[in-house]
Amino acid sequence: MFWTDLPIEDGGELRYRLDEMQLIIRQNGDELTLASLENNQEEPPAEEIPWSRFVTGSQDIKIRLTPRTPDKPVVVNPEHPVQILPGQ
């Protein structure tokens, strides 16, 4: 699911659960709408969700979720070791 291109059909919707966040992506023509919700909250009606709108200029849209590294060093102490493979 991550690091691969996922097509989204016109009028379609993708939903992802990432730890304590839910990401909702909808396509309508050349427009994408995105929203994020906390997993522990009950989903409000669609008209009450704070959506962000993006115009893509194309109806052939693919979604790819990738990690983004910070521009400054970060020191963390994870509960479990994490290794990122070369080229990822």
PDB file of N, CA and C in Angstrom:
ATOM      1  N   MET A   1       0.830  -1.187   0.000  1.00  0.00           N
ATOM      2  CA  MET A   1       0.000   0.000   0.000  1.00  0.00           C
ATOM      3  C   MET A   1       0.877   1.254   0.000  1.00  0.00           C
ATOM      4  N   PHE A   2       1.929   1.293   0.810  1.00  0.00           N
ATOM      5  CA  PHE A   2       2.768   2.476   0.863  1.00  0.00           C
ATOM      6  C   PHE A   2       3.857   2.376  -0.189  1.00  0.00           C
ATOM      7  N   TRP A   3       4.323   3.496  -0.651  1.00  0.00           N
ATOM      8  CA  TRP A   3       5.411   3.613  -1.618  1.00  0.00           C
ATOM      9  C   TRP A   3       5.062   3.052  -2.989  1.00  0.00           C
ATOM     10  N   THR A   4       3.795   2.804  -3.266  1.00  0.00           N
ATOM     11  CA  THR A   4       3.373   2.362  -4.589  1.00  0.00           C
ATOM     12  C   THR A   4       2.284   3.293  -5.084  1.00  0.00           C
ATOM     13  N   ASP A   5       2.152   3.397  -6.405  1.00  0.00           N
ATOM     14  CA  ASP A   5       1.102   4.229  -6.986  1.00  0.00           C
ATOM     15  C   ASP A   5      -0.229   3.504  -6.886  1.00  0.00           C
ATOM     16  N   LEU A   6      -1.217   4.196  -6.336  1.00  0.00           N
ATOM     17  CA  LEU A   6      -2.566   3.646  -6.234  1.00  0.00           C
ATOM     18  C   LEU A   6      -3.511   4.519  -7.053  1.00  0.00           C
ATOM     19  N   PRO A   7      -4.127   3.954  -8.080  1.00  0.00           N
ATOM     20  CA  PRO A   7      -5.062   4.765  -8.862  1.00  0.00           C
ATOM     21  C   PRO A   7      -6.331   5.033  -8.070  1.00  0.00           C
ATOM     22  N   ILE A   8      -6.920   6.178  -8.322  1.00  0.00           N
ATOM     23  CA  ILE A   8      -8.217   6.506  -7.728  1.00  0.00           C
ATOM     24  C   ILE A   8      -9.142   6.868  -8.878  1.00  0.00           C
ATOM     25  N   GLU A   9     -10.293   6.247  -8.920  1.00  0.00           N
ATOM     26  CA  GLU A   9     -11.251   6.449  -9.998  1.00  0.00           C
ATOM     27  C   GLU A   9     -12.029   7.747  -9.789  1.00  0.00           C
ATOM     28  N   ASP A  10     -12.486   8.338 -10.878  1.00  0.00           N
ATOM     29  CA  ASP A  10     -13.322   9.529 -10.791  1.00  0.00           C
ATOM     30  C   ASP A  10     -14.566   9.185  -9.980  1.00  0.00           C
ATOM     31  N   GLY A  11     -14.841   9.972  -8.969  1.00  0.00           N
ATOM     32  CA  GLY A  11     -15.961   9.710  -8.069  1.00  0.00           C
ATOM     33  C   GLY A  11     -15.612   8.719  -6.968  1.00  0.00           C
ATOM     34  N   GLY A  12     -14.356   8.252  -6.960  1.00  0.00           N
ATOM     35  CA  GLY A  12     -13.928   7.253  -5.986  1.00  0.00           C
ATOM     36  C   GLY A  12     -13.368   7.860  -4.718  1.00  0.00           C
ATOM     37  N   GLU A  13     -13.091   6.991  -3.771  1.00  0.00           N
ATOM     38  CA  GLU A  13     -12.589   7.416  -2.466  1.00  0.00           C
ATOM     39  C   GLU A  13     -11.581   6.389  -1.963  1.00  0.00           C
ATOM     40  N   LEU A  14     -10.488   6.867  -1.373  1.00  0.00           N
ATOM     41  CA  LEU A  14      -9.506   6.017  -0.707  1.00  0.00           C
ATOM     42  C   LEU A  14      -9.482   6.403   0.761  1.00  0.00           C
ATOM     43  N   ARG A  15      -9.338   5.393   1.635  1.00  0.00           N
ATOM     44  CA  ARG A  15      -9.238   5.641   3.075  1.00  0.00           C
ATOM     45  C   ARG A  15      -8.049   4.873   3.614  1.00  0.00           C
ATOM     46  N   TYR A  16      -7.274   5.540   4.439  1.00  0.00           N
ATOM     47  CA  TYR A  16      -6.113   4.936   5.074  1.00  0.00           C
ATOM     48  C   TYR A  16      -6.166   5.197   6.565  1.00  0.00           C
ATOM     49  N   ARG A  17      -5.786   4.201   7.340  1.00  0.00           N
ATOM     50  CA  ARG A  17      -5.627   4.378   8.782  1.00  0.00           C
ATOM     51  C   ARG A  17      -4.140   4.340   9.072  1.00  0.00           C
ATOM     52  N   LEU A  18      -3.632   5.413   9.635  1.00  0.00           N
ATOM     53  CA  LEU A  18      -2.227   5.542   9.958  1.00  0.00           C
ATOM     54  C   LEU A  18      -2.113   5.833  11.447  1.00  0.00           C
ATOM     55  N   ASP A  19      -1.814   4.808  12.215  1.00  0.00           N
ATOM     56  CA  ASP A  19      -1.723   4.931  13.658  1.00  0.00           C
ATOM     57  C   ASP A  19      -3.026   5.510  14.209  1.00  0.00           C
ATOM     58  N   GLU A  20      -3.002   6.755  14.668  1.00  0.00           N
ATOM     59  CA  GLU A  20      -4.208   7.350  15.258  1.00  0.00           C
ATOM     60  C   GLU A  20      -4.889   8.344  14.325  1.00  0.00           C
ATOM     61  N   MET A  21      -4.586   8.260  13.025  1.00  0.00           N
ATOM     62  CA  MET A  21      -5.169   9.181  12.060  1.00  0.00           C
ATOM     63  C   MET A  21      -5.816   8.405  10.920  1.00  0.00           C
ATOM     64  N   GLN A  22      -6.910   8.925  10.422  1.00  0.00           N
ATOM     65  CA  GLN A  22      -7.551   8.382   9.238  1.00  0.00           C
ATOM     66  C   GLN A  22      -7.454   9.432   8.132  1.00  0.00           C
ATOM     67  N   LEU A  23      -6.977   9.027   6.968  1.00  0.00           N
ATOM     68  CA  LEU A  23      -6.847   9.918   5.821  1.00  0.00           C
ATOM     69  C   LEU A  23      -7.894   9.516   4.794  1.00  0.00           C
ATOM     70  N   ILE A  24      -8.663  10.501   4.324  1.00  0.00           N
ATOM     71  CA  ILE A  24      -9.703  10.264   3.329  1.00  0.00           C
ATOM     72  C   ILE A  24      -9.352  11.087   2.085  1.00  0.00           C
ATOM     73  N   ILE A  25      -9.319  10.431   0.930  1.00  0.00           N
ATOM     74  CA  ILE A  25      -9.004  11.099  -0.335  1.00  0.00           C
ATOM     75  C   ILE A  25     -10.135  10.803  -1.307  1.00  0.00           C
ATOM     76  N   ARG A  26     -10.696  11.847  -1.896  1.00  0.00           N
ATOM     77  CA  ARG A  26     -11.777  11.701  -2.872  1.00  0.00           C
ATOM     78  C   ARG A  26     -11.393  12.394  -4.170  1.00  0.00           C
ATOM     79  N   GLN A  27     -11.827  11.817  -5.282  1.00  0.00           N
ATOM     80  CA  GLN A  27     -11.597  12.447  -6.584  1.00  0.00           C
ATOM     81  C   GLN A  27     -12.931  12.761  -7.233  1.00  0.00           C
ATOM     82  N   ASN A  28     -13.008  13.959  -7.791  1.00  0.00           N
ATOM     83  CA  ASN A  28     -14.164  14.366  -8.572  1.00  0.00           C
ATOM     84  C   ASN A  28     -13.626  15.117  -9.782  1.00  0.00           C
ATOM     85  N   GLY A  29     -13.534  14.436 -10.934  1.00  0.00           N
ATOM     86  CA  GLY A  29     -12.949  15.055 -12.122  1.00  0.00           C
ATOM     87  C   GLY A  29     -11.469  15.295 -11.897  1.00  0.00           C
ATOM     88  N   ASP A  30     -11.036  16.541 -12.128  1.00  0.00           N
ATOM     89  CA  ASP A  30      -9.619  16.857 -11.917  1.00  0.00           C
ATOM     90  C   ASP A  30      -9.378  17.480 -10.539  1.00  0.00           C
ATOM     91  N   GLU A  31     -10.291  17.243  -9.607  1.00  0.00           N
ATOM     92  CA  GLU A  31     -10.168  17.805  -8.257  1.00  0.00           C
ATOM     93  C   GLU A  31     -10.040  16.695  -7.219  1.00  0.00           C
ATOM     94  N   LEU A  32      -9.101  16.883  -6.304  1.00  0.00           N
ATOM     95  CA  LEU A  32      -8.955  15.984  -5.157  1.00  0.00           C
ATOM     96  C   LEU A  32      -9.378  16.725  -3.907  1.00  0.00           C
ATOM     97  N   THR A  33     -10.066  16.030  -3.020  1.00  0.00           N
ATOM     98  CA  THR A  33     -10.358  16.578  -1.699  1.00  0.00           C
ATOM     99  C   THR A  33      -9.760  15.615  -0.678  1.00  0.00           C
ATOM    100  N   LEU A  34      -9.098  16.179   0.323  1.00  0.00           N
ATOM    101  CA  LEU A  34      -8.433  15.393   1.353  1.00  0.00           C
ATOM    102  C   LEU A  34      -8.915  15.833   2.725  1.00  0.00           C
ATOM    103  N   ALA A  35      -9.025  14.878   3.619  1.00  0.00           N
ATOM    104  CA  ALA A  35      -9.380  15.179   5.006  1.00  0.00           C
ATOM    105  C   ALA A  35      -8.655  14.192   5.909  1.00  0.00           C
ATOM    106  N   SER A  36      -8.353  14.623   7.115  1.00  0.00           N
ATOM    107  CA  SER A  36      -7.778  13.709   8.099  1.00  0.00           C
ATOM    108  C   SER A  36      -8.598  13.804   9.376  1.00  0.00           C
ATOM    109  N   LEU A  37      -8.830  12.649   9.967  1.00  0.00           N
ATOM    110  CA  LEU A  37      -9.602  12.558  11.201  1.00  0.00           C
ATOM    111  C   LEU A  37      -8.821  11.733  12.207  1.00  0.00           C
ATOM    112  N   GLU A  38      -9.043  11.980  13.477  1.00  0.00           N
ATOM    113  CA  GLU A  38      -8.452  11.144  14.515  1.00  0.00           C
ATOM    114  C   GLU A  38      -9.259   9.852  14.580  1.00  0.00           C
ATOM    115  N   ASN A  39      -8.567   8.725  14.690  1.00  0.00           N
ATOM    116  CA  ASN A  39      -9.245   7.428  14.716  1.00  0.00           C
ATOM    117  C   ASN A  39     -10.156   7.251  15.916  1.00  0.00           C
ATOM    118  N   ASN A  40      -9.845   7.928  17.019  1.00  0.00           N
ATOM    119  CA  ASN A  40     -10.646   7.728  18.225  1.00  0.00           C
ATOM    120  C   ASN A  40     -11.926   8.567  18.229  1.00  0.00           C
ATOM    121  N   GLN A  41     -12.132   9.410  17.224  1.00  0.00           N
ATOM    122  CA  GLN A  41     -13.366  10.197  17.192  1.00  0.00           C
ATOM    123  C   GLN A  41     -14.353   9.562  16.228  1.00  0.00           C
ATOM    124  N   GLU A  42     -15.625   9.741  16.507  1.00  0.00           N
ATOM    125  CA  GLU A  42     -16.658   9.252  15.605  1.00  0.00           C
ATOM    126  C   GLU A  42     -16.663  10.137  14.368  1.00  0.00           C
ATOM    127  N   GLU A  43     -16.800   9.522  13.199  1.00  0.00           N
ATOM    128  CA  GLU A  43     -16.742  10.309  11.965  1.00  0.00           C
ATOM    129  C   GLU A  43     -17.957  11.230  11.858  1.00  0.00           C
ATOM    130  N   PRO A  44     -17.707  12.536  11.713  1.00  0.00           N
ATOM    131  CA  PRO A  44     -18.824  13.482  11.588  1.00  0.00           C
ATOM    132  C   PRO A  44     -19.453  13.376  10.189  1.00  0.00           C
ATOM    133  N   PRO A  45     -20.614  13.979  10.002  1.00  0.00           N
ATOM    134  CA  PRO A  45     -21.202  14.016   8.657  1.00  0.00           C
ATOM    135  C   PRO A  45     -20.237  14.685   7.675  1.00  0.00           C
ATOM    136  N   ALA A  46     -20.283  14.268   6.399  1.00  0.00           N
ATOM    137  CA  ALA A  46     -19.335  14.752   5.380  1.00  0.00           C
ATOM    138  C   ALA A  46     -19.298  16.272   5.302  1.00  0.00           C
ATOM    139  N   GLU A  47     -20.425  16.930   5.486  1.00  0.00           N
ATOM    140  CA  GLU A  47     -20.458  18.392   5.371  1.00  0.00           C
ATOM    141  C   GLU A  47     -19.760  19.087   6.538  1.00  0.00           C
ATOM    142  N   GLU A  48     -19.496  18.365   7.632  1.00  0.00           N
ATOM    143  CA  GLU A  48     -18.800  18.944   8.784  1.00  0.00           C
ATOM    144  C   GLU A  48     -17.306  18.613   8.811  1.00  0.00           C
ATOM    145  N   ILE A  49     -16.847  17.768   7.887  1.00  0.00           N
ATOM    146  CA  ILE A  49     -15.426  17.402   7.843  1.00  0.00           C
ATOM    147  C   ILE A  49     -14.654  18.545   7.188  1.00  0.00           C
ATOM    148  N   PRO A  50     -13.527  18.967   7.772  1.00  0.00           N
ATOM    149  CA  PRO A  50     -12.716  20.033   7.161  1.00  0.00           C
ATOM    150  C   PRO A  50     -11.906  19.481   5.982  1.00  0.00           C
ATOM    151  N   TRP A  51     -12.393  19.701   4.771  1.00  0.00           N
ATOM    152  CA  TRP A  51     -11.765  19.198   3.551  1.00  0.00           C
ATOM    153  C   TRP A  51     -10.785  20.222   2.991  1.00  0.00           C
ATOM    154  N   SER A  52      -9.706  19.718   2.401  1.00  0.00           N
ATOM    155  CA  SER A  52      -8.767  20.545   1.633  1.00  0.00           C
ATOM    156  C   SER A  52      -8.940  20.163   0.175  1.00  0.00           C
ATOM    157  N   ARG A  53      -9.007  21.176  -0.710  1.00  0.00           N
ATOM    158  CA  ARG A  53      -9.259  20.913  -2.128  1.00  0.00           C
ATOM    159  C   ARG A  53      -8.025  21.219  -2.954  1.00  0.00           C
ATOM    160  N   PHE A  54      -7.759  20.348  -3.943  1.00  0.00           N
ATOM    161  CA  PHE A  54      -6.621  20.513  -4.841  1.00  0.00           C
ATOM    162  C   PHE A  54      -7.081  20.239  -6.269  1.00  0.00           C
ATOM    163  N   VAL A  55      -6.686  21.105  -7.203  1.00  0.00           N
ATOM    164  CA  VAL A  55      -6.970  20.888  -8.621  1.00  0.00           C
ATOM    165  C   VAL A  55      -5.720  20.299  -9.247  1.00  0.00           C
ATOM    166  N   THR A  56      -5.879  19.173  -9.953  1.00  0.00           N
ATOM    167  CA  THR A  56      -4.729  18.456 -10.493  1.00  0.00           C
ATOM    168  C   THR A  56      -4.466  18.737 -11.961  1.00  0.00           C
ATOM    169  N   GLY A  57      -5.464  19.136 -12.727  1.00  0.00           N
ATOM    170  CA  GLY A  57      -5.295  19.340 -14.160  1.00  0.00           C
ATOM    171  C   GLY A  57      -5.384  18.044 -14.943  1.00  0.00           C
ATOM    172  N   SER A  58      -5.677  16.942 -14.288  1.00  0.00           N
ATOM    173  CA  SER A  58      -5.766  15.639 -14.938  1.00  0.00           C
ATOM    174  C   SER A  58      -6.775  14.784 -14.190  1.00  0.00           C
ATOM    175  N   GLN A  59      -7.428  13.883 -14.929  1.00  0.00           N
ATOM    176  CA  GLN A  59      -8.350  12.957 -14.270  1.00  0.00           C
ATOM    177  C   GLN A  59      -7.695  11.600 -14.034  1.00  0.00           C
ATOM    178  N   ASP A  60      -6.507  11.382 -14.602  1.00  0.00           N
ATOM    179  CA  ASP A  60      -5.757  10.146 -14.404  1.00  0.00           C
ATOM    180  C   ASP A  60      -4.837  10.349 -13.204  1.00  0.00           C
ATOM    181  N   ILE A  61      -5.380  10.139 -12.011  1.00  0.00           N
ATOM    182  CA  ILE A  61      -4.670  10.465 -10.774  1.00  0.00           C
ATOM    183  C   ILE A  61      -4.229   9.191 -10.070  1.00  0.00           C
ATOM    184  N   LYS A  62      -2.991   9.203  -9.594  1.00  0.00           N
ATOM    185  CA  LYS A  62      -2.468   8.116  -8.781  1.00  0.00           C
ATOM    186  C   LYS A  62      -1.962   8.717  -7.472  1.00  0.00           C
ATOM    187  N   ILE A  63      -2.195   8.018  -6.385  1.00  0.00           N
ATOM    188  CA  ILE A  63      -1.803   8.472  -5.059  1.00  0.00           C
ATOM    189  C   ILE A  63      -0.631   7.618  -4.589  1.00  0.00           C
ATOM    190  N   ARG A  64       0.384   8.267  -4.004  1.00  0.00           N
ATOM    191  CA  ARG A  64       1.507   7.538  -3.404  1.00  0.00           C
ATOM    192  C   ARG A  64       1.796   8.152  -2.041  1.00  0.00           C
ATOM    193  N   LEU A  65       1.713   7.332  -1.010  1.00  0.00           N
ATOM    194  CA  LEU A  65       2.046   7.776   0.341  1.00  0.00           C
ATOM    195  C   LEU A  65       3.499   7.398   0.613  1.00  0.00           C
ATOM    196  N   THR A  66       4.315   8.393   0.893  1.00  0.00           N
ATOM    197  CA  THR A  66       5.729   8.154   1.168  1.00  0.00           C
ATOM    198  C   THR A  66       6.140   8.916   2.423  1.00  0.00           C
ATOM    199  N   PRO A  67       7.142   8.414   3.121  1.00  0.00           N
ATOM    200  CA  PRO A  67       7.611   9.147   4.305  1.00  0.00           C
ATOM    201  C   PRO A  67       8.341  10.407   3.879  1.00  0.00           C
ATOM    202  N   ARG A  68       8.274  11.394   4.683  1.00  0.00           N
ATOM    203  CA  ARG A  68       8.984  12.644   4.419  1.00  0.00           C
ATOM    204  C   ARG A  68       9.952  12.877   5.571  1.00  0.00           C
ATOM    205  N   THR A  69      11.214  13.003   5.210  1.00  0.00           N
ATOM    206  CA  THR A  69      12.215  13.219   6.246  1.00  0.00           C
ATOM    207  C   THR A  69      12.321  14.706   6.551  1.00  0.00           C
ATOM    208  N   PRO A  70      12.597  15.056   7.790  1.00  0.00           N
ATOM    209  CA  PRO A  70      12.719  16.470   8.154  1.00  0.00           C
ATOM    210  C   PRO A  70      13.990  17.086   7.565  1.00  0.00           C
ATOM    211  N   ASP A  71      14.006  18.413   7.441  1.00  0.00           N
ATOM    212  CA  ASP A  71      15.177  19.096   6.904  1.00  0.00           C
ATOM    213  C   ASP A  71      16.271  19.276   7.946  1.00  0.00           C
ATOM    214  N   LYS A  72      15.974  18.958   9.187  1.00  0.00           N
ATOM    215  CA  LYS A  72      16.960  19.041  10.273  1.00  0.00           C
ATOM    216  C   LYS A  72      17.045  17.684  10.963  1.00  0.00           C
ATOM    217  N   PRO A  73      18.189  17.355  11.572  1.00  0.00           N
ATOM    218  CA  PRO A  73      18.308  16.072  12.271  1.00  0.00           C
ATOM    219  C   PRO A  73      17.296  15.964  13.413  1.00  0.00           C
ATOM    220  N   VAL A  74      16.841  14.752  13.634  1.00  0.00           N
ATOM    221  CA  VAL A  74      15.893  14.479  14.711  1.00  0.00           C
ATOM    222  C   VAL A  74      16.444  13.323  15.540  1.00  0.00           C
ATOM    223  N   VAL A  75      16.429  13.478  16.835  1.00  0.00           N
ATOM    224  CA  VAL A  75      16.864  12.411  17.733  1.00  0.00           C
ATOM    225  C   VAL A  75      15.614  11.806  18.361  1.00  0.00           C
ATOM    226  N   VAL A  76      15.461  10.492  18.177  1.00  0.00           N
ATOM    227  CA  VAL A  76      14.293   9.806  18.726  1.00  0.00           C
ATOM    228  C   VAL A  76      14.752   8.555  19.448  1.00  0.00           C
ATOM    229  N   ASN A  77      13.885   8.061  20.277  1.00  0.00           N
ATOM    230  CA  ASN A  77      14.141   6.821  20.987  1.00  0.00           C
ATOM    231  C   ASN A  77      12.908   5.935  20.794  1.00  0.00           C
ATOM    232  N   PRO A  78      12.835   5.190  19.664  1.00  0.00           N
ATOM    233  CA  PRO A  78      11.633   4.386  19.396  1.00  0.00           C
ATOM    234  C   PRO A  78      11.516   3.204  20.349  1.00  0.00           C
ATOM    235  N   GLU A  79      10.292   2.756  20.579  1.00  0.00           N
ATOM    236  CA  GLU A  79      10.063   1.579  21.423  1.00  0.00           C
ATOM    237  C   GLU A  79      10.615   0.329  20.758  1.00  0.00           C
ATOM    238  N   HIS A  80      10.502   0.254  19.422  1.00  0.00           N
ATOM    239  CA  HIS A  80      10.984  -0.880  18.643  1.00  0.00           C
ATOM    240  C   HIS A  80      11.899  -0.346  17.551  1.00  0.00           C
ATOM    241  N   PRO A  81      13.022  -1.027  17.282  1.00  0.00           N
ATOM    242  CA  PRO A  81      13.936  -0.554  16.246  1.00  0.00           C
ATOM    243  C   PRO A  81      13.242  -0.462  14.883  1.00  0.00           C
ATOM    244  N   VAL A  82      13.571   0.580  14.134  1.00  0.00           N
ATOM    245  CA  VAL A  82      13.022   0.784  12.788  1.00  0.00           C
ATOM    246  C   VAL A  82      14.206   0.927  11.838  1.00  0.00           C
ATOM    247  N   GLN A  83      14.128   0.195  10.727  1.00  0.00           N
ATOM    248  CA  GLN A  83      15.180   0.299   9.723  1.00  0.00           C
ATOM    249  C   GLN A  83      14.525   0.637   8.396  1.00  0.00           C
ATOM    250  N   ILE A  84      15.063   1.646   7.704  1.00  0.00           N
ATOM    251  CA  ILE A  84      14.589   2.017   6.378  1.00  0.00           C
ATOM    252  C   ILE A  84      15.600   1.483   5.383  1.00  0.00           C
ATOM    253  N   LEU A  85      15.131   0.690   4.450  1.00  0.00           N
ATOM    254  CA  LEU A  85      16.009   0.079   3.472  1.00  0.00           C
ATOM    255  C   LEU A  85      16.567   1.112   2.505  1.00  0.00           C
ATOM    256  N   PRO A  86      17.751   0.882   1.944  1.00  0.00           N
ATOM    257  CA  PRO A  86      18.334   1.818   0.980  1.00  0.00           C
ATOM    258  C   PRO A  86      17.388   2.049  -0.188  1.00  0.00           C
ATOM    259  N   GLY A  87      17.321   3.278  -0.649  1.00  0.00           N
ATOM    260  CA  GLY A  87      16.484   3.637  -1.796  1.00  0.00           C
ATOM    261  C   GLY A  87      15.018   3.865  -1.468  1.00  0.00           C
ATOM    262  N   GLN A  88      14.631   3.791  -0.214  1.00  0.00           N
ATOM    263  CA  GLN A  88      13.219   3.979   0.140  1.00  0.00           C
ATOM    264  C   GLN A  88      12.958   5.403   0.549  1.00  0.00           C
TER     265      GLN A  88
END
